[in-house]
Protein backbone atom coordinates (compact mmCIF):
# COMPACT_ATOMS: atom_id res chain seq x y z
CA MET A 1 18.47 -2.23 -19.47
CA GLN A 2 18.58 1.23 -16.99
CA VAL A 3 18.03 1.10 -12.99
CA ARG A 4 16.84 4.02 -11.11
CA ARG A 5 17.09 4.25 -7.80
CA TYR A 6 14.87 7.00 -6.03
CA LYS A 7 15.34 8.11 -2.36
CA ALA A 8 14.51 10.81 -0.35
CA ARG A 9 15.65 14.46 -1.09
CA CYS A 10 16.27 17.19 2.32
CA ILE A 11 15.36 20.73 1.93
CA GLU A 12 18.73 22.33 1.34
CA THR A 13 18.23 20.43 -2.72
CA ILE A 14 15.08 22.03 -3.60
CA SER A 15 15.48 24.17 -5.95
CA GLY A 16 14.99 28.13 -5.41
CA ARG A 17 11.49 28.23 -7.61
CA GLU A 18 10.35 24.88 -5.44
CA ALA A 19 11.01 26.89 -1.99
CA TRP A 20 8.08 28.89 -2.29
CA ASP A 21 5.22 26.17 -2.34
CA LEU A 22 5.46 25.30 1.14
CA ARG A 23 3.05 21.78 0.52
CA LYS A 24 6.25 20.45 -0.47
CA THR A 25 7.50 21.06 2.99
CA LEU A 26 4.39 19.15 4.72
CA PRO A 27 4.76 15.84 5.75
CA LYS A 28 3.84 13.00 3.69
CA PRO A 29 3.18 9.07 5.46
CA ALA A 30 7.06 6.85 4.28
CA VAL A 31 6.56 4.79 1.64
CA PRO A 32 9.17 1.63 0.88
CA ALA A 33 12.06 2.69 -1.37
CA ARG A 34 11.71 1.29 -4.90
CA THR A 35 13.93 0.26 -8.20
CA GLU A 36 12.79 0.29 -11.68
CA TYR A 37 14.45 -1.12 -14.86
CA ASP A 38 14.02 -0.50 -18.38
CA ILE A 39 15.14 -1.94 -20.75
CA GLY A 40 16.55 0.13 -23.38
CA ALA A 41 18.24 -0.29 -26.97
CA LYS A 42 21.84 0.47 -25.72
CA PRO A 43 23.90 -2.43 -24.70
CA LEU A 44 24.65 -1.76 -20.48
CA HIS A 45 27.41 -0.58 -19.51
CA PRO A 46 30.57 -2.95 -18.72
CA GLY A 47 30.38 -1.66 -14.94
CA SER A 48 26.47 -2.00 -14.86
CA ILE A 49 27.03 -5.55 -15.98
CA GLY A 50 29.81 -6.55 -13.16
CA PRO A 51 27.68 -6.01 -10.24
CA ILE A 52 24.77 -8.07 -11.83
CA TYR A 53 27.09 -11.17 -12.11
CA GLN A 54 28.90 -10.74 -9.26
CA ALA A 55 25.21 -11.01 -7.39
CA MET A 56 24.37 -14.18 -9.93
CA ILE A 57 27.22 -15.70 -9.23
CA GLN A 58 26.83 -15.30 -5.26
CA ARG A 59 23.44 -16.80 -4.95
CA ALA A 60 24.40 -19.31 -7.24
CA PHE A 61 27.66 -20.50 -4.61
CA ASP A 62 25.28 -19.81 -1.32
CA ARG A 63 22.29 -22.39 -3.43
CA GLY A 64 24.83 -25.12 -4.05
CA GLY A 65 24.74 -24.37 -7.92
CA LEU A 66 28.23 -24.45 -7.93
CA PRO A 67 29.74 -27.81 -5.77
CA ASP A 68 33.54 -27.08 -8.31
CA LEU A 69 34.21 -23.85 -6.26
CA THR A 70 35.15 -23.43 -3.14
CA LEU A 71 34.72 -20.73 -1.08
CA HIS A 72 37.62 -19.24 -1.86
CA ASP A 73 37.99 -19.93 -5.28
CA VAL A 74 34.62 -17.40 -5.34
CA ALA A 75 36.13 -14.94 -3.32
CA ARG A 76 39.24 -15.06 -5.63
CA LEU A 77 36.75 -14.44 -8.63
CA LEU A 78 34.66 -11.75 -7.45
């Protein structure tokens, strides 16, 4: 799975080839940020899996799905 997050670019980051296209500097209506997920053939990197599991565990604890754990236990595990 691949995650891409899009955000606005400031005018200084536009390349020299794009700088001459003044249409790119015109104002545009605001759009909400978006996150896209793609499923790929390669396994997830361990650095990508940790935040996913942490969010799942935190959500389960917040909803009462882990009654044996205390707040201290969850903080220590995450």
